[in-house]
Amino acid sequence: MLRIGHVHLQVTDLAAAEAFYHGVLGFDVMVRGYPGALFVSAGGYHHHVGLNTWHSAGAAPQDAGAIGLRSFTIELPDSDGLAAVSARIEAAGVPYERRTDGILVRDPSGSAVTLAVLNLRA
């Protein structure tokens, strides 16, 4: 397993990305004013997820076999946090899949995000 402090994603629409990462997943918006980009985080960090439309504005989601990031995992500190995010996902009507390792959901641009409880032994 590889742990990365933050990830940058190409998205097709910043407003839809903000509605998902901030409104549904619960990240705080850290920077909104940078042209074509949005930066969100948890706990006051400068950003955990960078989102931009620099080469992807209005594009269709990538095909399943395309080269690129397949998925990434967001680790929540405990099962209560995962339950809270799960409730927001359901309330927003976002399709998701419960799995043994957490919850799999796709952002509006098609990126797969697994939400899981932090594994302190990893």
C-alpha atoms as a PDB file:
ATOM      1  CA  MET A   1       0.000   0.000   0.000  1.00  0.00           C
ATOM      2  CA  LEU A   2       1.189   3.495  -0.864  1.00  0.00           C
ATOM      3  CA  ARG A   3       0.076   6.504   1.165  1.00  0.00           C
ATOM      4  CA  ILE A   4      -0.031   9.884  -0.528  1.00  0.00           C
ATOM      5  CA  GLY A   5      -0.746  13.129   1.312  1.00  0.00           C
ATOM      6  CA  HIS A   6      -2.815  14.640  -1.442  1.00  0.00           C
ATOM      7  CA  VAL A   7      -4.068  14.018  -4.948  1.00  0.00           C
ATOM      8  CA  HIS A   8      -4.791  16.271  -7.931  1.00  0.00           C
ATOM      9  CA  LEU A   9      -7.650  15.319 -10.218  1.00  0.00           C
ATOM     10  CA  GLN A  10      -8.785  16.532 -13.607  1.00  0.00           C
ATOM     11  CA  VAL A  11     -12.509  17.206 -13.438  1.00  0.00           C
ATOM     12  CA  THR A  12     -15.009  18.222 -16.066  1.00  0.00           C
ATOM     13  CA  ASP A  13     -16.862  20.850 -14.011  1.00  0.00           C
ATOM     14  CA  LEU A  14     -15.649  22.712 -10.903  1.00  0.00           C
ATOM     15  CA  ALA A  15     -19.127  23.470  -9.551  1.00  0.00           C
ATOM     16  CA  ALA A  16     -20.108  19.796  -9.714  1.00  0.00           C
ATOM     17  CA  ALA A  17     -16.772  18.804  -8.155  1.00  0.00           C
ATOM     18  CA  GLU A  18     -17.300  21.284  -5.310  1.00  0.00           C
ATOM     19  CA  ALA A  19     -20.846  20.024  -4.734  1.00  0.00           C
ATOM     20  CA  PHE A  20     -19.452  16.489  -4.398  1.00  0.00           C
ATOM     21  CA  TYR A  21     -16.165  16.949  -2.521  1.00  0.00           C
ATOM     22  CA  HIS A  22     -17.384  19.773  -0.269  1.00  0.00           C
ATOM     23  CA  GLY A  23     -21.156  19.305  -0.127  1.00  0.00           C
ATOM     24  CA  VAL A  24     -21.323  15.494  -0.019  1.00  0.00           C
ATOM     25  CA  LEU A  25     -17.957  14.245   1.226  1.00  0.00           C
ATOM     26  CA  GLY A  26     -17.541  17.167   3.628  1.00  0.00           C
ATOM     27  CA  PHE A  27     -14.128  18.602   2.723  1.00  0.00           C
ATOM     28  CA  ASP A  28     -13.509  22.277   3.492  1.00  0.00           C
ATOM     29  CA  VAL A  29     -12.898  24.578   0.529  1.00  0.00           C
ATOM     30  CA  MET A  30      -9.426  26.069   0.961  1.00  0.00           C
ATOM     31  CA  VAL A  31      -8.917  27.881  -2.366  1.00  0.00           C
ATOM     32  CA  ARG A  32     -11.667  28.688  -4.820  1.00  0.00           C
ATOM     33  CA  GLY A  33     -10.223  31.706  -6.644  1.00  0.00           C
ATOM     34  CA  TYR A  34      -7.392  30.089  -8.613  1.00  0.00           C
ATOM     35  CA  PRO A  35      -8.405  30.035 -12.317  1.00  0.00           C
ATOM     36  CA  GLY A  36      -9.769  26.627 -13.299  1.00  0.00           C
ATOM     37  CA  ALA A  37      -8.975  24.995  -9.965  1.00  0.00           C
ATOM     38  CA  LEU A  38     -10.420  24.226  -6.544  1.00  0.00           C
ATOM     39  CA  PHE A  39      -8.543  22.956  -3.494  1.00  0.00           C
ATOM     40  CA  VAL A  40     -10.244  21.149  -0.595  1.00  0.00           C
ATOM     41  CA  SER A  41      -9.026  19.619   2.650  1.00  0.00           C
ATOM     42  CA  ALA A  42      -9.898  18.273   6.064  1.00  0.00           C
ATOM     43  CA  GLY A  43      -8.606  19.636   9.344  1.00  0.00           C
ATOM     44  CA  GLY A  44      -7.208  22.900   7.984  1.00  0.00           C
ATOM     45  CA  TYR A  45      -4.473  21.378   5.797  1.00  0.00           C
ATOM     46  CA  HIS A  46      -3.690  23.499   2.698  1.00  0.00           C
ATOM     47  CA  HIS A  47      -5.261  20.821   0.486  1.00  0.00           C
ATOM     48  CA  HIS A  48      -5.803  17.101   0.348  1.00  0.00           C
ATOM     49  CA  VAL A  49      -7.583  17.142  -3.017  1.00  0.00           C
ATOM     50  CA  GLY A  50      -6.752  19.509  -5.854  1.00  0.00           C
ATOM     51  CA  LEU A  51      -9.343  19.655  -8.628  1.00  0.00           C
ATOM     52  CA  ASN A  52      -8.788  21.357 -11.964  1.00  0.00           C
ATOM     53  CA  THR A  53     -10.337  21.765 -15.403  1.00  0.00           C
ATOM     54  CA  TRP A  54      -7.172  22.877 -17.178  1.00  0.00           C
ATOM     55  CA  HIS A  55      -7.303  20.057 -19.753  1.00  0.00           C
ATOM     56  CA  SER A  56     -10.663  18.487 -18.952  1.00  0.00           C
ATOM     57  CA  ALA A  57     -13.427  21.120 -18.880  1.00  0.00           C
ATOM     58  CA  GLY A  58     -16.587  19.634 -20.340  1.00  0.00           C
ATOM     59  CA  ALA A  59     -14.918  16.319 -21.262  1.00  0.00           C
ATOM     60  CA  ALA A  60     -16.716  13.002 -21.023  1.00  0.00           C
ATOM     61  CA  PRO A  61     -15.582  10.582 -18.298  1.00  0.00           C
ATOM     62  CA  GLN A  62     -12.680   8.373 -19.378  1.00  0.00           C
ATOM     63  CA  ASP A  63     -13.374   4.909 -20.731  1.00  0.00           C
ATOM     64  CA  ALA A  64     -12.835   2.049 -18.267  1.00  0.00           C
ATOM     65  CA  GLY A  65      -9.663   0.892 -20.060  1.00  0.00           C
ATOM     66  CA  ALA A  66      -8.080   4.348 -20.402  1.00  0.00           C
ATOM     67  CA  ILE A  67      -4.683   5.073 -18.904  1.00  0.00           C
ATOM     68  CA  GLY A  68      -4.878   7.006 -15.646  1.00  0.00           C
ATOM     69  CA  LEU A  69      -5.771   6.840 -11.988  1.00  0.00           C
ATOM     70  CA  ARG A  70      -8.226   3.981 -11.369  1.00  0.00           C
ATOM     71  CA  SER A  71      -9.240   4.966  -7.846  1.00  0.00           C
ATOM     72  CA  PHE A  72      -8.021   6.393  -4.578  1.00  0.00           C
ATOM     73  CA  THR A  73      -9.013   5.906  -0.946  1.00  0.00           C
ATOM     74  CA  ILE A  74     -10.006   8.544   1.561  1.00  0.00           C
ATOM     75  CA  GLU A  75      -9.459   7.286   5.101  1.00  0.00           C
ATOM     76  CA  LEU A  76     -11.826   8.536   7.762  1.00  0.00           C
ATOM     77  CA  PRO A  77     -10.763   8.442  11.425  1.00  0.00           C
ATOM     78  CA  ASP A  78     -13.575   6.174  12.650  1.00  0.00           C
ATOM     79  CA  SER A  79     -16.771   4.334  11.771  1.00  0.00           C
ATOM     80  CA  ASP A  80     -18.920   7.260  12.939  1.00  0.00           C
ATOM     81  CA  GLY A  81     -17.219   9.479  10.350  1.00  0.00           C
ATOM     82  CA  LEU A  82     -17.812   6.877   7.650  1.00  0.00           C
ATOM     83  CA  ALA A  83     -21.470   6.590   8.680  1.00  0.00           C
ATOM     84  CA  ALA A  84     -21.900  10.376   8.492  1.00  0.00           C
ATOM     85  CA  VAL A  85     -20.422  10.558   4.993  1.00  0.00           C
ATOM     86  CA  SER A  86     -22.490   7.546   3.942  1.00  0.00           C
ATOM     87  CA  ALA A  87     -25.650   9.324   5.118  1.00  0.00           C
ATOM     88  CA  ARG A  88     -24.758  12.432   3.077  1.00  0.00           C
ATOM     89  CA  ILE A  89     -24.085  10.263  -0.002  1.00  0.00           C
ATOM     90  CA  GLU A  90     -27.500   8.621   0.370  1.00  0.00           C
ATOM     91  CA  ALA A  91     -29.246  11.968   0.999  1.00  0.00           C
ATOM     92  CA  ALA A  92     -27.645  13.420  -2.151  1.00  0.00           C
ATOM     93  CA  GLY A  93     -28.825  10.448  -4.198  1.00  0.00           C
ATOM     94  CA  VAL A  94     -25.291   9.609  -5.320  1.00  0.00           C
ATOM     95  CA  PRO A  95     -24.964   5.948  -6.361  1.00  0.00           C
ATOM     96  CA  TYR A  96     -22.525   3.965  -4.227  1.00  0.00           C
ATOM     97  CA  GLU A  97     -21.492   0.418  -3.465  1.00  0.00           C
ATOM     98  CA  ARG A  98     -20.828  -1.001  -0.001  1.00  0.00           C
ATOM     99  CA  ARG A  99     -17.733  -3.190  -0.050  1.00  0.00           C
ATOM    100  CA  THR A 100     -15.708  -5.058   2.539  1.00  0.00           C
ATOM    101  CA  ASP A 101     -13.063  -2.313   2.465  1.00  0.00           C
ATOM    102  CA  GLY A 102     -15.557   0.583   2.724  1.00  0.00           C
ATOM    103  CA  ILE A 103     -17.815   2.480   0.365  1.00  0.00           C
ATOM    104  CA  LEU A 104     -17.069   2.961  -3.343  1.00  0.00           C
ATOM    105  CA  VAL A 105     -18.500   6.090  -4.939  1.00  0.00           C
ATOM    106  CA  ARG A 106     -17.737   7.977  -8.165  1.00  0.00           C
ATOM    107  CA  ASP A 107     -17.347  11.722  -8.351  1.00  0.00           C
ATOM    108  CA  PRO A 108     -19.212  13.671 -11.082  1.00  0.00           C
ATOM    109  CA  SER A 109     -16.235  13.251 -13.448  1.00  0.00           C
ATOM    110  CA  GLY A 110     -16.198   9.473 -12.966  1.00  0.00           C
ATOM    111  CA  SER A 111     -13.219   9.143 -10.604  1.00  0.00           C
ATOM    112  CA  ALA A 112     -13.656   6.194  -8.225  1.00  0.00           C
ATOM    113  CA  VAL A 113     -13.278   7.064  -4.553  1.00  0.00           C
ATOM    114  CA  THR A 114     -13.217   4.467  -1.773  1.00  0.00           C
ATOM    115  CA  LEU A 115     -14.161   5.752   1.672  1.00  0.00           C
ATOM    116  CA  ALA A 116     -12.737   3.612   4.446  1.00  0.00           C
ATOM    117  CA  VAL A 117     -11.982   3.717   8.167  1.00  0.00           C
ATOM    118  CA  LEU A 118      -8.351   4.504   8.921  1.00  0.00           C
ATOM    119  CA  ASN A 119      -6.257   1.392   9.435  1.00  0.00           C
ATOM    120  CA  LEU A 120      -3.672   2.394  12.020  1.00  0.00           C
ATOM    121  CA  ARG A 121      -1.676  -0.832  11.540  1.00  0.00           C
ATOM    122  CA  ALA A 122      -0.905  -0.199   7.852  1.00  0.00           C
END
